[in-house]
Amino acid sequence: MKPSNKKYKGTPGKRGAFNAQAFLDSAGVARRVKEFKIEEVIFSQGSAAGTIMYIQDGGVKITALSASGKEAIIATLGPGDFFGEGSMAGQPLRMASATAITPSTVLIVDKDAMQKVLHEQHELSDLFIQFVLTRNIRIEEDLIDQLFNSTEKRLARTLLLLARYGKPDQQQRILPKVSQETLAEMIGTTRTRVNLFMNKFKKMGFINYNGGLQVNDSLLNVVLHD
């Protein structure tokens, strides 16, 4: 794809919002699109880091493996999220692995092309930095969630995040297909515990099964309840 001379103007009516898709389109960043199946590895810890990824559709988990073989989930990401940005900070190798948790569509951008357009368009650079910092804050929140919150709260928060709760363009909170085994892995518990709380959430009207798993705003009460 040939570079474009168009300038990124952001999302109409949303001052300061970072519309990554509009950014990639208007900036003319060379990229390729790849489809990943559920549980397919996008990149592995220790592999060469030369690209940055953007999720168009689906969901991705970022995990790290210790020397003793223990795996920890660092973050769960969805449409509109970047990952693999460590390559732009000079990381020669991936510090973690990325795996699709649902069928996913991912844009893959060469780090040099991304660095070039960010260098040329300072407004974009500022917005991208803000975007990455916001993502990092969420990762910190995920870690705190794992350390201090109950299994029930962790599951509720994970469902809300996967359903893109709080996104201004998200009107129906329909969860992408994620198995209870995957949910259990994401929050550090067993499938039996996940099934127990999912049934509880359904009885209380926090979630519905209607052509998919619909997450209702009322589920937030579980997260906020002391």
Protein backbone atom coordinates (compact mmCIF):
# COMPACT_ATOMS: atom_id res chain seq x y z
CA MET A 1 0.00 0.00 0.00
CA LYS A 2 1.39 3.40 -0.99
CA PRO A 3 1.69 6.06 1.69
CA SER A 4 -1.02 8.71 1.71
CA ASN A 5 -0.61 12.44 2.15
CA LYS A 6 -3.93 12.69 4.01
CA LYS A 7 -3.80 14.01 7.54
CA TYR A 8 -5.54 12.26 10.38
CA LYS A 9 -8.44 14.34 11.67
CA GLY A 10 -9.67 12.10 14.50
CA THR A 11 -13.20 10.97 15.12
CA PRO A 12 -15.83 13.58 14.21
CA GLY A 13 -17.62 14.90 17.29
CA LYS A 14 -15.23 13.21 19.71
CA ARG A 15 -12.54 15.70 20.53
CA GLY A 16 -9.32 14.05 21.62
CA ALA A 17 -10.55 10.54 20.82
CA PHE A 18 -8.02 8.28 19.12
CA ASN A 19 -9.67 6.44 16.24
CA ALA A 20 -6.92 3.97 15.39
CA GLN A 21 -8.67 2.60 12.30
CA ALA A 22 -9.11 6.10 10.86
CA PHE A 23 -5.47 6.78 11.73
CA LEU A 24 -4.22 3.73 9.85
CA ASP A 25 -6.45 4.49 6.86
CA SER A 26 -5.70 8.20 6.58
CA ALA A 27 -1.98 7.89 7.28
CA GLY A 28 -1.61 5.26 4.57
CA VAL A 29 0.49 2.97 6.75
CA ALA A 30 1.60 -0.15 4.89
CA ARG A 31 -0.11 -3.09 6.54
CA ARG A 32 -1.52 -6.54 5.98
CA VAL A 33 -4.59 -8.23 7.40
CA LYS A 34 -4.53 -11.72 8.88
CA GLU A 35 -7.28 -13.91 10.27
CA PHE A 36 -6.60 -16.00 13.38
CA LYS A 37 -8.63 -18.94 14.66
CA ILE A 38 -9.54 -19.35 18.32
CA GLU A 39 -6.48 -20.37 20.38
CA GLU A 40 -4.16 -19.67 17.43
CA VAL A 41 -0.83 -18.11 18.43
CA ILE A 42 -0.23 -14.69 16.88
CA PHE A 43 3.33 -14.42 18.14
CA SER A 44 5.35 -16.27 20.76
CA GLN A 45 7.47 -15.11 23.66
CA GLY A 46 11.09 -14.93 22.52
CA SER A 47 10.28 -14.53 18.81
CA ALA A 48 11.63 -11.61 16.77
CA ALA A 49 9.76 -8.32 17.32
CA GLY A 50 9.46 -6.33 14.13
CA THR A 51 5.77 -5.48 13.84
CA ILE A 52 2.95 -3.85 15.77
CA MET A 53 -0.57 -5.30 15.74
CA TYR A 54 -4.03 -3.73 15.74
CA ILE A 55 -7.19 -5.75 16.48
CA GLN A 56 -9.96 -5.10 13.97
CA ASP A 57 -12.25 -7.81 15.30
CA GLY A 58 -12.11 -10.52 17.95
CA GLY A 59 -10.07 -10.82 21.12
CA VAL A 60 -6.46 -11.47 22.11
CA LYS A 61 -4.76 -12.48 25.35
CA ILE A 62 -1.19 -11.51 26.19
CA THR A 63 0.61 -14.09 28.33
CA ALA A 64 4.09 -14.53 29.79
CA LEU A 65 5.80 -17.82 30.65
CA SER A 66 8.26 -18.11 33.54
CA ALA A 67 11.45 -20.20 33.45
CA SER A 68 9.65 -22.82 35.57
CA GLY A 69 6.83 -23.06 33.03
CA LYS A 70 4.19 -21.07 34.90
CA GLU A 71 1.99 -18.96 32.62
CA ALA A 72 0.37 -15.67 33.59
CA ILE A 73 -2.14 -13.60 31.63
CA ILE A 74 -0.92 -10.00 31.40
CA ALA A 75 -3.84 -8.52 29.49
CA THR A 76 -6.94 -9.30 27.46
CA LEU A 77 -7.56 -7.05 24.46
CA GLY A 78 -10.35 -6.44 21.97
CA PRO A 79 -11.26 -4.46 18.84
CA GLY A 80 -9.50 -1.11 18.69
CA ASP A 81 -6.50 -2.22 20.77
CA PHE A 82 -2.86 -2.24 19.69
CA PHE A 83 -0.37 -4.81 20.96
CA GLY A 84 3.24 -5.73 20.28
CA GLU A 85 4.25 -2.06 20.53
CA GLY A 86 7.40 -3.04 22.44
CA SER A 87 9.06 -3.48 19.04
CA MET A 88 8.85 0.29 18.56
CA ALA A 89 10.76 0.82 21.80
CA GLY A 90 13.69 -1.24 20.60
CA GLN A 91 12.69 -4.66 21.92
CA PRO A 92 14.45 -7.18 19.66
CA LEU A 93 12.39 -10.12 21.00
CA ARG A 94 8.81 -10.49 22.18
CA MET A 95 8.56 -10.35 25.97
CA ALA A 96 5.23 -12.20 25.96
CA SER A 97 3.00 -14.29 23.74
CA ALA A 98 -0.23 -13.23 22.01
CA THR A 99 -3.03 -15.72 21.35
CA ALA A 100 -6.49 -15.26 19.82
CA ILE A 101 -9.23 -16.01 22.36
CA THR A 102 -11.91 -15.73 19.67
CA PRO A 103 -11.73 -15.79 15.85
CA SER A 104 -9.87 -12.54 15.23
CA THR A 105 -8.93 -10.15 12.45
CA VAL A 106 -5.61 -8.40 13.05
CA LEU A 107 -3.81 -5.68 11.13
CA ILE A 108 -0.05 -6.21 11.11
CA VAL A 109 2.04 -3.06 10.64
CA ASP A 110 5.81 -2.94 10.12
CA LYS A 111 7.42 -1.01 12.99
CA ASP A 112 9.55 1.12 10.64
CA ALA A 113 6.49 2.25 8.68
CA MET A 114 4.68 3.09 11.91
CA GLN A 115 7.65 4.99 13.34
CA LYS A 116 7.98 6.98 10.12
CA VAL A 117 4.39 8.20 10.04
CA LEU A 118 4.40 8.97 13.78
CA HIS A 119 7.59 10.98 13.33
CA GLU A 120 6.09 12.93 10.43
CA GLN A 121 2.71 13.62 12.07
CA HIS A 122 3.27 14.93 15.60
CA GLU A 123 -0.44 15.12 16.41
CA LEU A 124 -0.73 11.44 15.67
CA SER A 125 2.32 10.71 17.79
CA ASP A 126 0.78 12.46 20.81
CA LEU A 127 -2.52 10.62 20.37
CA PHE A 128 -0.81 7.26 19.94
CA ILE A 129 1.24 7.76 23.11
CA GLN A 130 -1.96 8.61 24.99
CA PHE A 131 -3.59 5.48 23.60
CA VAL A 132 -0.70 3.23 24.70
CA LEU A 133 -0.55 4.82 28.16
CA THR A 134 -4.28 4.23 28.63
CA ARG A 135 -3.77 0.59 27.65
CA ASN A 136 -0.94 0.26 30.18
CA ILE A 137 -3.12 1.72 32.93
CA ARG A 138 -5.68 -0.98 32.16
CA ILE A 139 -2.98 -3.65 32.44
CA GLU A 140 -2.10 -2.30 35.90
CA GLU A 141 -5.79 -2.47 36.81
CA ASP A 142 -5.89 -6.08 35.60
CA LEU A 143 -2.94 -6.98 37.84
CA ILE A 144 -4.56 -5.31 40.86
CA ASP A 145 -7.78 -7.13 40.02
CA GLN A 146 -5.93 -10.48 40.08
CA LEU A 147 -4.24 -9.68 43.39
CA PHE A 148 -7.10 -8.26 45.44
CA ASN A 149 -10.53 -9.04 44.00
CA SER A 150 -12.70 -12.12 44.42
CA THR A 151 -13.26 -14.64 41.63
CA GLU A 152 -16.81 -13.34 41.15
CA LYS A 153 -15.64 -9.73 40.71
CA ARG A 154 -12.81 -10.78 38.37
CA LEU A 155 -15.27 -12.69 36.17
CA ALA A 156 -17.74 -9.79 36.11
CA ARG A 157 -15.00 -7.30 35.19
CA THR A 158 -13.63 -9.61 32.47
CA LEU A 159 -17.09 -10.05 30.91
CA LEU A 160 -17.62 -6.27 30.89
CA LEU A 161 -14.22 -5.68 29.27
CA LEU A 162 -14.79 -8.35 26.62
CA ALA A 163 -18.19 -6.81 25.88
CA ARG A 164 -16.43 -3.44 25.47
CA TYR A 165 -18.31 -1.80 28.33
CA GLY A 166 -17.84 1.98 28.34
CA LYS A 167 -16.99 2.24 24.64
CA PRO A 168 -19.02 5.12 23.17
CA ASP A 169 -19.77 3.23 19.95
CA GLN A 170 -20.88 0.05 21.72
CA GLN A 171 -24.67 -0.07 21.88
CA GLN A 172 -25.28 -3.80 22.34
CA ARG A 173 -22.93 -5.58 24.69
CA ILE A 174 -22.74 -8.97 22.95
CA LEU A 175 -19.79 -11.05 24.04
CA PRO A 176 -17.63 -12.72 21.40
CA LYS A 177 -17.55 -16.52 21.63
CA VAL A 178 -15.33 -17.38 24.60
CA SER A 179 -15.44 -20.77 26.29
CA GLN A 180 -15.77 -21.14 30.04
CA GLU A 181 -12.35 -22.82 30.02
CA THR A 182 -10.84 -19.69 28.48
CA LEU A 183 -12.65 -17.44 30.97
CA ALA A 184 -11.32 -19.59 33.82
CA GLU A 185 -7.78 -19.24 32.48
CA MET A 186 -8.17 -15.49 32.08
CA ILE A 187 -9.21 -14.91 35.71
CA GLY A 188 -7.11 -17.62 37.34
CA THR A 189 -9.76 -20.08 38.50
CA THR A 190 -11.49 -23.33 37.46
CA ARG A 191 -14.20 -23.92 34.87
CA THR A 192 -16.49 -25.18 37.65
CA ARG A 193 -16.23 -21.84 39.46
CA VAL A 194 -16.87 -19.91 36.24
CA ASN A 195 -19.95 -22.03 35.52
CA LEU A 196 -21.24 -21.41 39.05
CA PHE A 197 -20.98 -17.63 38.75
CA MET A 198 -22.28 -17.54 35.16
CA ASN A 199 -25.43 -19.33 36.31
CA LYS A 200 -25.73 -16.87 39.20
CA PHE A 201 -25.32 -13.87 36.85
CA LYS A 202 -28.01 -15.30 34.55
CA LYS A 203 -30.49 -15.81 37.42
CA MET A 204 -29.93 -12.23 38.58
CA GLY A 205 -30.49 -10.85 35.07
CA PHE A 206 -26.92 -9.59 34.66
CA ILE A 207 -26.40 -11.68 31.50
CA ASN A 208 -28.69 -13.25 28.88
CA TYR A 209 -28.22 -15.96 26.27
CA ASN A 210 -29.98 -14.77 23.14
CA GLY A 211 -28.10 -15.55 19.95
CA GLY A 212 -24.92 -15.02 21.94
CA LEU A 213 -23.99 -13.91 25.42
CA GLN A 214 -25.40 -10.46 26.15
CA VAL A 215 -23.79 -8.59 29.04
CA ASN A 216 -26.11 -6.08 30.72
CA ASP A 217 -24.98 -2.86 32.38
CA SER A 218 -26.31 -4.17 35.71
CA LEU A 219 -23.34 -6.57 35.88
CA LEU A 220 -21.30 -3.53 36.91
CA ASN A 221 -22.99 -3.81 40.31
CA VAL A 222 -20.94 -6.93 41.03
CA VAL A 223 -17.69 -5.06 40.35
CA LEU A 224 -18.67 -2.04 42.45
CA HIS A 225 -20.14 -4.01 45.37
CA ASP A 226 -17.84 -4.23 48.44
